[in-house]
C-alpha atoms as a PDB file:
ATOM      1  CA  MET A   1    -180.742 169.553 207.287  1.00  0.00           C
ATOM      2  CA  LYS A   2    -180.052 173.048 208.574  1.00  0.00           C
ATOM      3  CA  ILE A   3    -178.893 175.504 205.912  1.00  0.00           C
ATOM      4  CA  PRO A   4    -176.226 178.019 207.054  1.00  0.00           C
ATOM      5  CA  LYS A   5    -177.474 181.580 207.173  1.00  0.00           C
ATOM      6  CA  ASN A   6    -175.135 182.882 204.471  1.00  0.00           C
ATOM      7  CA  ARG A   7    -176.247 180.090 202.137  1.00  0.00           C
ATOM      8  CA  LYS A   8    -179.876 180.982 202.810  1.00  0.00           C
ATOM      9  CA  ILE A   9    -179.154 184.526 201.612  1.00  0.00           C
ATOM     10  CA  TRP A  10    -177.659 183.211 198.375  1.00  0.00           C
ATOM     11  CA  ALA A  11    -180.531 180.735 197.923  1.00  0.00           C
ATOM     12  CA  VAL A  12    -183.215 183.419 198.395  1.00  0.00           C
ATOM     13  CA  SER A  13    -181.331 185.803 196.101  1.00  0.00           C
ATOM     14  CA  LEU A  14    -181.035 183.147 193.410  1.00  0.00           C
ATOM     15  CA  ILE A  15    -184.734 182.260 193.608  1.00  0.00           C
ATOM     16  CA  VAL A  16    -185.852 185.904 193.386  1.00  0.00           C
ATOM     17  CA  SER A  17    -183.526 186.499 190.413  1.00  0.00           C
ATOM     18  CA  LEU A  18    -184.751 183.396 188.573  1.00  0.00           C
ATOM     19  CA  VAL A  19    -188.417 184.254 189.174  1.00  0.00           C
ATOM     20  CA  SER A  20    -187.877 187.818 187.919  1.00  0.00           C
ATOM     21  CA  LEU A  21    -186.087 186.590 184.797  1.00  0.00           C
ATOM     22  CA  ALA A  22    -188.819 184.018 184.190  1.00  0.00           C
ATOM     23  CA  ILE A  23    -191.429 186.788 184.271  1.00  0.00           C
ATOM     24  CA  LEU A  24    -189.452 188.809 181.740  1.00  0.00           C
ATOM     25  CA  PHE A  25    -188.998 185.860 179.385  1.00  0.00           C
ATOM     26  CA  ARG A  26    -192.687 185.066 179.763  1.00  0.00           C
ATOM     27  CA  ILE A  27    -193.839 188.510 178.636  1.00  0.00           C
ATOM     28  CA  THR A  28    -191.365 189.038 175.818  1.00  0.00           C
ATOM     29  CA  ASP A  29    -190.445 187.354 172.564  1.00  0.00           C
ATOM     30  CA  PHE A  30    -187.134 185.489 172.867  1.00  0.00           C
ATOM     31  CA  ARG A  31    -186.536 185.997 169.136  1.00  0.00           C
ATOM     32  CA  SER A  32    -186.555 189.773 169.577  1.00  0.00           C
ATOM     33  CA  ILE A  33    -183.850 189.467 172.240  1.00  0.00           C
ATOM     34  CA  MET A  34    -181.703 187.386 169.877  1.00  0.00           C
ATOM     35  CA  ASP A  35    -182.263 189.904 167.065  1.00  0.00           C
ATOM     36  CA  ARG A  36    -180.896 192.677 169.293  1.00  0.00           C
ATOM     37  CA  LEU A  37    -177.857 190.585 170.181  1.00  0.00           C
ATOM     38  CA  GLU A  38    -177.165 189.651 166.570  1.00  0.00           C
ATOM     39  CA  ALA A  39    -177.374 193.303 165.495  1.00  0.00           C
ATOM     40  CA  ALA A  40    -174.969 194.499 168.205  1.00  0.00           C
ATOM     41  CA  ASN A  41    -172.651 197.312 167.116  1.00  0.00           C
ATOM     42  CA  LEU A  42    -169.106 196.540 168.266  1.00  0.00           C
ATOM     43  CA  TYR A  43    -168.033 200.171 167.849  1.00  0.00           C
ATOM     44  CA  PHE A  44    -170.491 201.347 170.508  1.00  0.00           C
ATOM     45  CA  ILE A  45    -169.645 198.411 172.766  1.00  0.00           C
ATOM     46  CA  GLY A  46    -166.030 199.547 172.608  1.00  0.00           C
ATOM     47  CA  LEU A  47    -167.149 203.097 173.354  1.00  0.00           C
ATOM     48  CA  LEU A  48    -169.164 201.780 176.293  1.00  0.00           C
ATOM     49  CA  LEU A  49    -166.052 200.115 177.751  1.00  0.00           C
ATOM     50  CA  LEU A  50    -164.010 203.301 177.282  1.00  0.00           C
ATOM     51  CA  LEU A  51    -166.649 205.443 178.980  1.00  0.00           C
ATOM     52  CA  TYR A  52    -166.908 202.878 181.785  1.00  0.00           C
ATOM     53  CA  PHE A  53    -163.167 203.149 182.385  1.00  0.00           C
ATOM     54  CA  ILE A  54    -163.282 206.968 182.398  1.00  0.00           C
ATOM     55  CA  ALA A  55    -166.264 207.053 184.768  1.00  0.00           C
ATOM     56  CA  TYR A  56    -164.537 204.793 187.268  1.00  0.00           C
ATOM     57  CA  LEU A  57    -161.244 206.583 186.851  1.00  0.00           C
ATOM     58  CA  CYS A  58    -163.080 209.672 188.126  1.00  0.00           C
ATOM     59  CA  ARG A  59    -164.302 207.600 191.080  1.00  0.00           C
ATOM     60  CA  ALA A  60    -160.768 206.334 191.696  1.00  0.00           C
ATOM     61  CA  VAL A  61    -159.452 209.901 191.760  1.00  0.00           C
ATOM     62  CA  ARG A  62    -162.176 210.765 194.283  1.00  0.00           C
ATOM     63  CA  LEU A  63    -161.131 207.822 196.435  1.00  0.00           C
ATOM     64  CA  TRP A  64    -157.457 208.791 196.158  1.00  0.00           C
ATOM     65  CA  LEU A  65    -158.210 212.362 197.210  1.00  0.00           C
ATOM     66  CA  LEU A  66    -159.976 211.283 200.408  1.00  0.00           C
ATOM     67  CA  ILE A  67    -157.655 208.411 201.389  1.00  0.00           C
ATOM     68  CA  ARG A  68    -154.422 210.301 200.692  1.00  0.00           C
ATOM     69  CA  PRO A  69    -154.554 212.374 203.922  1.00  0.00           C
ATOM     70  CA  LEU A  70    -154.924 209.128 205.895  1.00  0.00           C
ATOM     71  CA  GLN A  71    -152.647 206.724 204.044  1.00  0.00           C
ATOM     72  CA  PRO A  72    -149.968 207.146 201.327  1.00  0.00           C
ATOM     73  CA  VAL A  73    -151.514 205.322 198.399  1.00  0.00           C
ATOM     74  CA  GLY A  74    -151.139 205.287 194.628  1.00  0.00           C
ATOM     75  CA  LEU A  75    -153.869 206.239 192.181  1.00  0.00           C
ATOM     76  CA  TRP A  76    -153.789 202.836 190.477  1.00  0.00           C
ATOM     77  CA  ALA A  77    -154.320 201.065 193.788  1.00  0.00           C
ATOM     78  CA  CYS A  78    -157.425 203.233 194.200  1.00  0.00           C
ATOM     79  CA  MET A  79    -158.483 202.288 190.679  1.00  0.00           C
ATOM     80  CA  ARG A  80    -158.118 198.609 191.551  1.00  0.00           C
ATOM     81  CA  LEU A  81    -160.182 199.084 194.696  1.00  0.00           C
ATOM     82  CA  THR A  82    -162.901 201.003 192.840  1.00  0.00           C
ATOM     83  CA  LEU A  83    -163.273 198.429 190.055  1.00  0.00           C
ATOM     84  CA  ALA A  84    -163.025 195.418 192.360  1.00  0.00           C
ATOM     85  CA  HIS A  85    -165.610 196.844 194.763  1.00  0.00           C
ATOM     86  CA  GLN A  86    -168.037 197.583 191.932  1.00  0.00           C
ATOM     87  CA  ALA A  87    -167.684 194.020 190.631  1.00  0.00           C
ATOM     88  CA  VAL A  88    -168.337 192.549 194.081  1.00  0.00           C
ATOM     89  CA  PHE A  89    -171.293 194.906 194.505  1.00  0.00           C
ATOM     90  CA  ALA A  90    -172.669 193.741 191.137  1.00  0.00           C
ATOM     91  CA  VAL A  91    -172.685 190.039 192.019  1.00  0.00           C
ATOM     92  CA  ALA A  92    -173.215 190.000 195.788  1.00  0.00           C
ATOM     93  CA  PRO A  93    -176.713 189.243 197.120  1.00  0.00           C
ATOM     94  CA  SER A  94    -178.754 191.301 199.560  1.00  0.00           C
ATOM     95  CA  GLY A  95    -176.874 194.515 198.875  1.00  0.00           C
ATOM     96  CA  SER A  96    -173.852 193.170 200.742  1.00  0.00           C
ATOM     97  CA  GLY A  97    -171.351 194.529 198.229  1.00  0.00           C
ATOM     98  CA  ASP A  98    -170.578 197.564 200.371  1.00  0.00           C
ATOM     99  CA  LEU A  99    -169.640 195.259 203.250  1.00  0.00           C
ATOM    100  CA  ALA A 100    -166.658 194.112 201.166  1.00  0.00           C
ATOM    101  CA  PHE A 101    -165.355 197.652 200.603  1.00  0.00           C
ATOM    102  CA  PRO A 102    -163.478 198.019 203.935  1.00  0.00           C
ATOM    103  CA  LEU A 103    -161.887 194.581 203.522  1.00  0.00           C
ATOM    104  CA  LEU A 104    -160.920 195.253 199.905  1.00  0.00           C
ATOM    105  CA  GLY A 105    -159.591 198.648 200.956  1.00  0.00           C
ATOM    106  CA  ARG A 106    -157.335 197.119 203.587  1.00  0.00           C
ATOM    107  CA  MET A 107    -156.188 194.378 201.191  1.00  0.00           C
ATOM    108  CA  ILE A 108    -155.480 196.633 198.203  1.00  0.00           C
ATOM    109  CA  THR A 109    -154.476 199.997 199.703  1.00  0.00           C
ATOM    110  CA  GLY A 110    -153.443 199.015 203.217  1.00  0.00           C
ATOM    111  CA  THR A 111    -155.841 201.570 204.716  1.00  0.00           C
ATOM    112  CA  ASP A 112    -157.143 200.849 208.203  1.00  0.00           C
ATOM    113  CA  ILE A 113    -160.771 199.690 208.196  1.00  0.00           C
ATOM    114  CA  ARG A 114    -161.665 202.369 210.750  1.00  0.00           C
ATOM    115  CA  ASP A 115    -160.459 205.016 208.311  1.00  0.00           C
ATOM    116  CA  ILE A 116    -162.018 203.640 205.138  1.00  0.00           C
ATOM    117  CA  ILE A 117    -165.568 203.127 206.454  1.00  0.00           C
ATOM    118  CA  PRO A 118    -166.142 206.915 206.795  1.00  0.00           C
ATOM    119  CA  VAL A 119    -164.830 207.314 203.233  1.00  0.00           C
ATOM    120  CA  LEU A 120    -167.405 204.786 201.985  1.00  0.00           C
ATOM    121  CA  ILE A 121    -170.221 206.590 203.821  1.00  0.00           C
ATOM    122  CA  SER A 122    -169.032 209.899 202.349  1.00  0.00           C
ATOM    123  CA  PHE A 123    -169.027 208.353 198.850  1.00  0.00           C
ATOM    124  CA  ARG A 124    -172.559 207.085 199.195  1.00  0.00           C
ATOM    125  CA  LEU A 125    -173.783 210.481 200.376  1.00  0.00           C
ATOM    126  CA  GLN A 126    -172.018 212.223 197.476  1.00  0.00           C
ATOM    127  CA  ASP A 127    -173.527 209.805 194.968  1.00  0.00           C
ATOM    128  CA  LEU A 128    -176.959 210.317 196.513  1.00  0.00           C
ATOM    129  CA  ALA A 129    -176.612 214.100 196.196  1.00  0.00           C
ATOM    130  CA  THR A 130    -175.842 213.837 192.474  1.00  0.00           C
ATOM    131  CA  LEU A 131    -178.572 211.257 191.871  1.00  0.00           C
ATOM    132  CA  ILE A 132    -181.117 213.571 193.513  1.00  0.00           C
ATOM    133  CA  ALA A 133    -180.190 216.193 190.908  1.00  0.00           C
ATOM    134  CA  PHE A 134    -180.492 213.617 188.097  1.00  0.00           C
ATOM    135  CA  ALA A 135    -183.856 212.484 189.434  1.00  0.00           C
ATOM    136  CA  GLY A 136    -185.085 216.084 189.545  1.00  0.00           C
ATOM    137  CA  PHE A 137    -184.193 216.630 185.897  1.00  0.00           C
ATOM    138  CA  GLY A 138    -185.660 213.232 184.966  1.00  0.00           C
ATOM    139  CA  LEU A 139    -188.947 214.176 186.628  1.00  0.00           C
ATOM    140  CA  VAL A 140    -189.074 217.410 184.616  1.00  0.00           C
ATOM    141  CA  VAL A 141    -188.495 215.459 181.379  1.00  0.00           C
ATOM    142  CA  ILE A 142    -191.071 212.745 182.099  1.00  0.00           C
ATOM    143  CA  LEU A 143    -193.700 215.343 183.073  1.00  0.00           C
ATOM    144  CA  ASP A 144    -192.844 217.211 179.848  1.00  0.00           C
ATOM    145  CA  LEU A 145    -192.136 220.526 181.597  1.00  0.00           C
ATOM    146  CA  THR A 146    -189.352 221.593 179.231  1.00  0.00           C
ATOM    147  CA  ALA A 147    -191.572 223.196 176.573  1.00  0.00           C
ATOM    148  CA  SER A 148    -191.017 226.827 177.606  1.00  0.00           C
ATOM    149  CA  VAL A 149    -187.367 226.548 178.685  1.00  0.00           C
ATOM    150  CA  ASN A 150    -184.387 225.063 176.889  1.00  0.00           C
ATOM    151  CA  PRO A 151    -183.738 221.660 178.535  1.00  0.00           C
ATOM    152  CA  VAL A 152    -179.991 222.339 178.510  1.00  0.00           C
ATOM    153  CA  TRP A 153    -180.484 225.232 180.943  1.00  0.00           C
ATOM    154  CA  ILE A 154    -182.701 223.077 183.136  1.00  0.00           C
ATOM    155  CA  LEU A 155    -180.072 220.341 183.173  1.00  0.00           C
ATOM    156  CA  LEU A 156    -177.335 222.849 184.054  1.00  0.00           C
ATOM    157  CA  PHE A 157    -179.496 224.156 186.907  1.00  0.00           C
ATOM    158  CA  PHE A 158    -179.961 220.671 188.352  1.00  0.00           C
ATOM    159  CA  LEU A 159    -176.292 219.780 187.848  1.00  0.00           C
ATOM    160  CA  LEU A 160    -175.228 222.962 189.640  1.00  0.00           C
ATOM    161  CA  SER A 161    -177.659 222.230 192.466  1.00  0.00           C
ATOM    162  CA  GLY A 162    -176.368 218.665 192.699  1.00  0.00           C
ATOM    163  CA  PHE A 163    -172.763 219.862 192.678  1.00  0.00           C
ATOM    164  CA  ILE A 164    -173.402 222.317 195.526  1.00  0.00           C
ATOM    165  CA  LEU A 165    -175.114 219.585 197.551  1.00  0.00           C
ATOM    166  CA  THR A 166    -172.293 217.149 196.756  1.00  0.00           C
ATOM    167  CA  LEU A 167    -169.746 219.784 197.797  1.00  0.00           C
ATOM    168  CA  PHE A 168    -171.463 220.122 201.166  1.00  0.00           C
ATOM    169  CA  VAL A 169    -171.648 216.349 201.638  1.00  0.00           C
ATOM    170  CA  ALA A 170    -167.967 215.872 200.705  1.00  0.00           C
ATOM    171  CA  GLY A 171    -167.062 218.282 203.489  1.00  0.00           C
ATOM    172  CA  LEU A 172    -168.781 216.014 206.018  1.00  0.00           C
ATOM    173  CA  ASN A 173    -166.090 213.339 205.714  1.00  0.00           C
ATOM    174  CA  ARG A 174    -164.181 214.495 208.794  1.00  0.00           C
ATOM    175  CA  HIS A 175    -167.393 214.799 210.835  1.00  0.00           C
ATOM    176  CA  ILE A 176    -168.420 211.266 209.829  1.00  0.00           C
ATOM    177  CA  ARG A 177    -165.059 209.965 211.067  1.00  0.00           C
ATOM    178  CA  TYR A 178    -165.501 211.921 214.291  1.00  0.00           C
ATOM    179  CA  VAL A 179    -168.960 210.467 214.984  1.00  0.00           C
ATOM    180  CA  LEU A 180    -167.918 206.884 214.152  1.00  0.00           C
ATOM    181  CA  TRP A 181    -164.828 207.189 216.344  1.00  0.00           C
ATOM    182  CA  HIS A 182    -166.915 208.261 219.339  1.00  0.00           C
ATOM    183  CA  ILE A 183    -169.457 205.484 218.686  1.00  0.00           C
ATOM    184  CA  ARG A 184    -166.640 202.945 218.733  1.00  0.00           C
ATOM    185  CA  GLN A 185    -165.229 204.425 221.956  1.00  0.00           C
ATOM    186  CA  LYS A 186    -168.664 204.251 223.594  1.00  0.00           C
ATOM    187  CA  ALA A 187    -169.221 200.669 222.410  1.00  0.00           C
ATOM    188  CA  GLU A 188    -165.866 199.592 223.852  1.00  0.00           C
ATOM    189  CA  ARG A 189    -166.762 201.091 227.226  1.00  0.00           C
ATOM    190  CA  ILE A 190    -170.176 199.352 227.251  1.00  0.00           C
ATOM    191  CA  ILE A 191    -168.640 195.992 226.316  1.00  0.00           C
ATOM    192  CA  GLY A 192    -165.953 196.496 228.947  1.00  0.00           C
ATOM    193  CA  ALA A 193    -168.592 197.231 231.581  1.00  0.00           C
ATOM    194  CA  PHE A 194    -170.477 194.014 230.761  1.00  0.00           C
ATOM    195  CA  LYS A 195    -167.234 192.041 231.029  1.00  0.00           C
ATOM    196  CA  ASN A 196    -166.220 193.896 234.198  1.00  0.00           C
ATOM    197  CA  GLN A 197    -163.174 195.149 232.353  1.00  0.00           C
ATOM    198  CA  PRO A 198    -162.091 198.687 231.545  1.00  0.00           C
ATOM    199  CA  GLY A 199    -162.764 199.819 227.991  1.00  0.00           C
ATOM    200  CA  ASN A 200    -159.868 199.457 225.582  1.00  0.00           C
ATOM    201  CA  GLU A 201    -157.683 202.497 225.417  1.00  0.00           C
ATOM    202  CA  ASP A 202    -157.628 203.968 221.950  1.00  0.00           C
ATOM    203  CA  ASP A 203    -154.273 203.834 220.229  1.00  0.00           C
ATOM    204  CA  GLY A 204    -154.952 207.034 218.335  1.00  0.00           C
ATOM    205  CA  ARG A 205    -155.623 205.297 215.040  1.00  0.00           C
ATOM    206  CA  GLY A 206    -158.933 206.292 213.540  1.00  0.00           C
ATOM    207  CA  GLN A 207    -159.168 209.361 215.783  1.00  0.00           C
ATOM    208  CA  PRO A 208    -160.367 212.358 213.719  1.00  0.00           C
ATOM    209  CA  LEU A 209    -157.249 214.504 213.936  1.00  0.00           C
ATOM    210  CA  ALA A 210    -157.223 217.901 212.219  1.00  0.00           C
ATOM    211  CA  GLY A 211    -154.268 216.913 210.041  1.00  0.00           C
ATOM    212  CA  SER A 212    -156.224 214.083 208.438  1.00  0.00           C
ATOM    213  CA  ALA A 213    -159.172 216.257 207.394  1.00  0.00           C
ATOM    214  CA  PRO A 214    -159.405 216.989 203.648  1.00  0.00           C
ATOM    215  CA  ASP A 215    -158.750 220.608 202.756  1.00  0.00           C
ATOM    216  CA  ARG A 216    -161.070 222.790 200.678  1.00  0.00           C
ATOM    217  CA  LYS A 217    -159.295 221.995 197.414  1.00  0.00           C
ATOM    218  CA  THR A 218    -159.624 218.257 198.075  1.00  0.00           C
ATOM    219  CA  ILE A 219    -163.318 218.625 198.906  1.00  0.00           C
ATOM    220  CA  LEU A 220    -163.904 220.659 195.725  1.00  0.00           C
ATOM    221  CA  LEU A 221    -162.101 218.135 193.520  1.00  0.00           C
ATOM    222  CA  SER A 222    -163.873 215.222 195.210  1.00  0.00           C
ATOM    223  CA  ALA A 223    -167.289 216.750 194.492  1.00  0.00           C
ATOM    224  CA  LEU A 224    -166.242 217.503 190.901  1.00  0.00           C
ATOM    225  CA  MET A 225    -165.082 213.895 190.354  1.00  0.00           C
ATOM    226  CA  THR A 226    -168.421 212.650 191.678  1.00  0.00           C
ATOM    227  CA  LEU A 227    -170.342 214.801 189.212  1.00  0.00           C
ATOM    228  CA  LEU A 228    -168.084 213.858 186.284  1.00  0.00           C
ATOM    229  CA  SER A 229    -168.304 210.150 187.099  1.00  0.00           C
ATOM    230  CA  TRP A 230    -172.099 210.243 186.876  1.00  0.00           C
ATOM    231  CA  ILE A 231    -172.043 212.301 183.663  1.00  0.00           C
ATOM    232  CA  PHE A 232    -169.755 209.711 182.052  1.00  0.00           C
ATOM    233  CA  THR A 233    -171.996 206.962 183.447  1.00  0.00           C
ATOM    234  CA  GLY A 234    -174.921 208.579 181.625  1.00  0.00           C
ATOM    235  CA  ALA A 235    -172.864 208.631 178.408  1.00  0.00           C
ATOM    236  CA  MET A 236    -171.993 204.968 178.992  1.00  0.00           C
ATOM    237  CA  VAL A 237    -175.671 204.000 179.282  1.00  0.00           C
ATOM    238  CA  TRP A 238    -176.404 205.975 176.091  1.00  0.00           C
ATOM    239  CA  ALA A 239    -173.637 204.019 174.321  1.00  0.00           C
ATOM    240  CA  ALA A 240    -175.094 200.749 175.634  1.00  0.00           C
ATOM    241  CA  PHE A 241    -178.430 201.484 173.970  1.00  0.00           C
ATOM    242  CA  ARG A 242    -176.719 202.602 170.746  1.00  0.00           C
ATOM    243  CA  ALA A 243    -174.805 199.322 170.762  1.00  0.00           C
ATOM    244  CA  TYR A 244    -178.161 197.581 170.238  1.00  0.00           C
ATOM    245  CA  ASN A 245    -179.429 200.024 167.604  1.00  0.00           C
ATOM    246  CA  MET A 246    -181.591 202.151 169.881  1.00  0.00           C
ATOM    247  CA  SER A 247    -180.926 205.881 169.877  1.00  0.00           C
ATOM    248  CA  LEU A 248    -182.374 207.531 172.990  1.00  0.00           C
ATOM    249  CA  ASP A 249    -182.713 211.253 173.570  1.00  0.00           C
ATOM    250  CA  TRP A 250    -179.932 212.574 175.823  1.00  0.00           C
ATOM    251  CA  GLN A 251    -182.603 214.047 178.113  1.00  0.00           C
ATOM    252  CA  LEU A 252    -183.586 210.518 179.145  1.00  0.00           C
ATOM    253  CA  MET A 253    -180.118 209.628 180.432  1.00  0.00           C
ATOM    254  CA  PRO A 254    -180.355 211.329 183.873  1.00  0.00           C
ATOM    255  CA  TYR A 255    -183.843 209.844 184.238  1.00  0.00           C
ATOM    256  CA  LEU A 256    -182.593 206.341 183.410  1.00  0.00           C
ATOM    257  CA  ILE A 257    -179.525 206.634 185.660  1.00  0.00           C
ATOM    258  CA  ALA A 258    -181.606 207.719 188.652  1.00  0.00           C
ATOM    259  CA  GLY A 259    -184.245 205.079 187.904  1.00  0.00           C
ATOM    260  CA  LEU A 260    -181.694 202.278 187.476  1.00  0.00           C
ATOM    261  CA  ASN A 261    -180.119 203.079 190.837  1.00  0.00           C
ATOM    262  CA  LEU A 262    -183.537 203.083 192.470  1.00  0.00           C
ATOM    263  CA  ALA A 263    -184.336 199.736 190.838  1.00  0.00           C
ATOM    264  CA  GLY A 264    -180.988 198.398 192.035  1.00  0.00           C
ATOM    265  CA  ALA A 265    -181.770 199.527 195.584  1.00  0.00           C
ATOM    266  CA  LEU A 266    -185.166 197.795 195.452  1.00  0.00           C
ATOM    267  CA  ALA A 267    -183.465 194.655 194.125  1.00  0.00           C
ATOM    268  CA  PHE A 268    -181.332 194.219 197.243  1.00  0.00           C
ATOM    269  CA  THR A 269    -182.595 190.629 197.679  1.00  0.00           C
ATOM    270  CA  THR A 270    -181.236 189.483 194.322  1.00  0.00           C
ATOM    271  CA  ILE A 271    -177.802 188.586 193.023  1.00  0.00           C
ATOM    272  CA  GLY A 272    -176.513 191.783 191.476  1.00  0.00           C
ATOM    273  CA  GLY A 273    -180.091 192.971 190.992  1.00  0.00           C
ATOM    274  CA  LEU A 274    -180.459 190.374 188.243  1.00  0.00           C
ATOM    275  CA  GLY A 275    -184.001 190.144 186.958  1.00  0.00           C
ATOM    276  CA  VAL A 276    -185.489 192.904 189.104  1.00  0.00           C
ATOM    277  CA  THR A 277    -183.241 195.617 187.628  1.00  0.00           C
ATOM    278  CA  GLU A 278    -184.022 194.493 184.071  1.00  0.00           C
ATOM    279  CA  LEU A 279    -187.709 194.603 184.927  1.00  0.00           C
ATOM    280  CA  GLY A 280    -187.253 198.080 186.396  1.00  0.00           C
ATOM    281  CA  LEU A 281    -185.368 199.282 183.309  1.00  0.00           C
ATOM    282  CA  ALA A 282    -188.123 197.983 181.038  1.00  0.00           C
ATOM    283  CA  GLY A 283    -190.669 199.850 183.160  1.00  0.00           C
ATOM    284  CA  LEU A 284    -188.647 203.069 182.930  1.00  0.00           C
ATOM    285  CA  LEU A 285    -188.529 202.771 179.145  1.00  0.00           C
ATOM    286  CA  VAL A 286    -192.269 202.122 178.918  1.00  0.00           C
ATOM    287  CA  ALA A 287    -192.882 205.174 181.137  1.00  0.00           C
ATOM    288  CA  ALA A 288    -190.792 207.141 178.608  1.00  0.00           C
ATOM    289  CA  SER A 289    -193.321 206.196 175.891  1.00  0.00           C
ATOM    290  CA  ILE A 290    -191.260 203.363 174.390  1.00  0.00           C
ATOM    291  CA  PRO A 291    -193.432 200.363 173.420  1.00  0.00           C
ATOM    292  CA  ALA A 292    -193.130 197.343 175.701  1.00  0.00           C
ATOM    293  CA  SER A 293    -192.311 195.147 172.693  1.00  0.00           C
ATOM    294  CA  THR A 294    -189.150 197.256 172.245  1.00  0.00           C
ATOM    295  CA  ALA A 295    -188.426 198.148 175.871  1.00  0.00           C
ATOM    296  CA  ILE A 296    -188.305 194.627 177.319  1.00  0.00           C
ATOM    297  CA  PRO A 297    -185.850 193.107 174.782  1.00  0.00           C
ATOM    298  CA  LEU A 298    -183.660 196.198 175.151  1.00  0.00           C
ATOM    299  CA  ALA A 299    -183.634 195.881 178.928  1.00  0.00           C
ATOM    300  CA  MET A 300    -182.772 192.186 178.582  1.00  0.00           C
ATOM    301  CA  VAL A 301    -179.622 192.938 176.558  1.00  0.00           C
ATOM    302  CA  VAL A 302    -178.509 196.389 177.772  1.00  0.00           C
ATOM    303  CA  ARG A 303    -178.450 195.727 181.510  1.00  0.00           C
ATOM    304  CA  PRO A 304    -176.601 192.349 181.258  1.00  0.00           C
ATOM    305  CA  THR A 305    -174.061 194.069 178.986  1.00  0.00           C
ATOM    306  CA  LEU A 306    -173.409 196.682 181.671  1.00  0.00           C
ATOM    307  CA  LEU A 307    -173.201 193.906 184.277  1.00  0.00           C
ATOM    308  CA  LEU A 308    -170.678 191.954 182.199  1.00  0.00           C
ATOM    309  CA  ALA A 309    -168.566 195.091 181.732  1.00  0.00           C
ATOM    310  CA  THR A 310    -168.516 195.550 185.508  1.00  0.00           C
ATOM    311  CA  ILE A 311    -167.428 191.940 186.097  1.00  0.00           C
ATOM    312  CA  LEU A 312    -164.807 192.147 183.324  1.00  0.00           C
ATOM    313  CA  PHE A 313    -163.171 195.257 184.779  1.00  0.00           C
ATOM    314  CA  GLY A 314    -163.411 193.802 188.283  1.00  0.00           C
ATOM    315  CA  LEU A 315    -161.562 190.649 187.230  1.00  0.00           C
ATOM    316  CA  CYS A 316    -158.894 192.755 185.536  1.00  0.00           C
ATOM    317  CA  ALA A 317    -158.525 194.815 188.718  1.00  0.00           C
ATOM    318  CA  LEU A 318    -158.074 191.726 190.902  1.00  0.00           C
ATOM    319  CA  GLY A 319    -155.904 189.649 188.601  1.00  0.00           C
ATOM    320  CA  GLY A 320    -155.071 191.629 185.485  1.00  0.00           C
ATOM    321  CA  PRO A 321    -153.242 194.856 184.674  1.00  0.00           C
ATOM    322  CA  PHE A 322    -154.024 196.392 188.064  1.00  0.00           C
ATOM    323  CA  SER A 323    -152.915 193.408 190.157  1.00  0.00           C
ATOM    324  CA  PRO A 324    -150.424 194.051 192.991  1.00  0.00           C
ATOM    325  CA  ASP A 325    -147.428 192.535 191.226  1.00  0.00           C
ATOM    326  CA  ARG A 326    -147.945 194.917 188.266  1.00  0.00           C
ATOM    327  CA  ASN A 327    -148.788 198.009 190.262  1.00  0.00           C
ATOM    328  CA  THR A 328    -146.041 200.043 191.847  1.00  0.00           C
ATOM    329  CA  GLU A 329    -147.175 202.473 194.482  1.00  0.00           C
END
């Protein structure tokens, strides 16, 4: 019996996730995982949810700033899109979550797919710029190079560097649209030539007009929202560890955020990075001199908690307080 290609992707993703989880359960004590769950602090779980909402509100504002010149849209519609996309990204296999962003954008905000794809590319480049700064600071911490200089100043240096890089990347949004528009025009001509038909005339939609380009204030605010969203994400991860009675030094947060995103990228063949990301988080904690007997149970409860928060907010965005019938634009 021939298995459809999309089902093969899900099957492979499920197998990889199950194997990774089996390895983790094999090398850790199940009782220690249950002890962490039983000792969960509801106050910090509530704080985690609040920080999650604030972090993604910053991302929604960033989305609103860049879509607004292209399409009149409300902030709450952008919030719905941001939360729904993150939930899809968290559960989709093979890193296909970003493929849903243009479709969700058209469904929720009414933005043309040709306009929203450049916005997604711009977002990913902005996030990468900030994560590079976090990774730089994390490397300094892990190599213990903060002895002669106050780590706060080092962090501020990397954050400023990341903000400047993010500012530059945010300004590329119009150029990204311009390049993609010309690629589409060229592709239409090539397809038309193969079919012995003239290429489709462009209707003007998606063309990078000067009026649709974000101004300097929009670019500045977009870069600032990117930086703030990742800072609140770091605070959220800190709260997740505190929820399970583990107090980590704040200096480890940028290191863990950068490492978790790298682990998530390497786990593109799994469903939501399940199994591989937990294994990566445990490795990051061990590299930070935390015993494996503590690191693995923590990874097995902290990362699923973050995943459940993502799914919870995503469901609320699609069918709860942010649903279309409750959201006036």
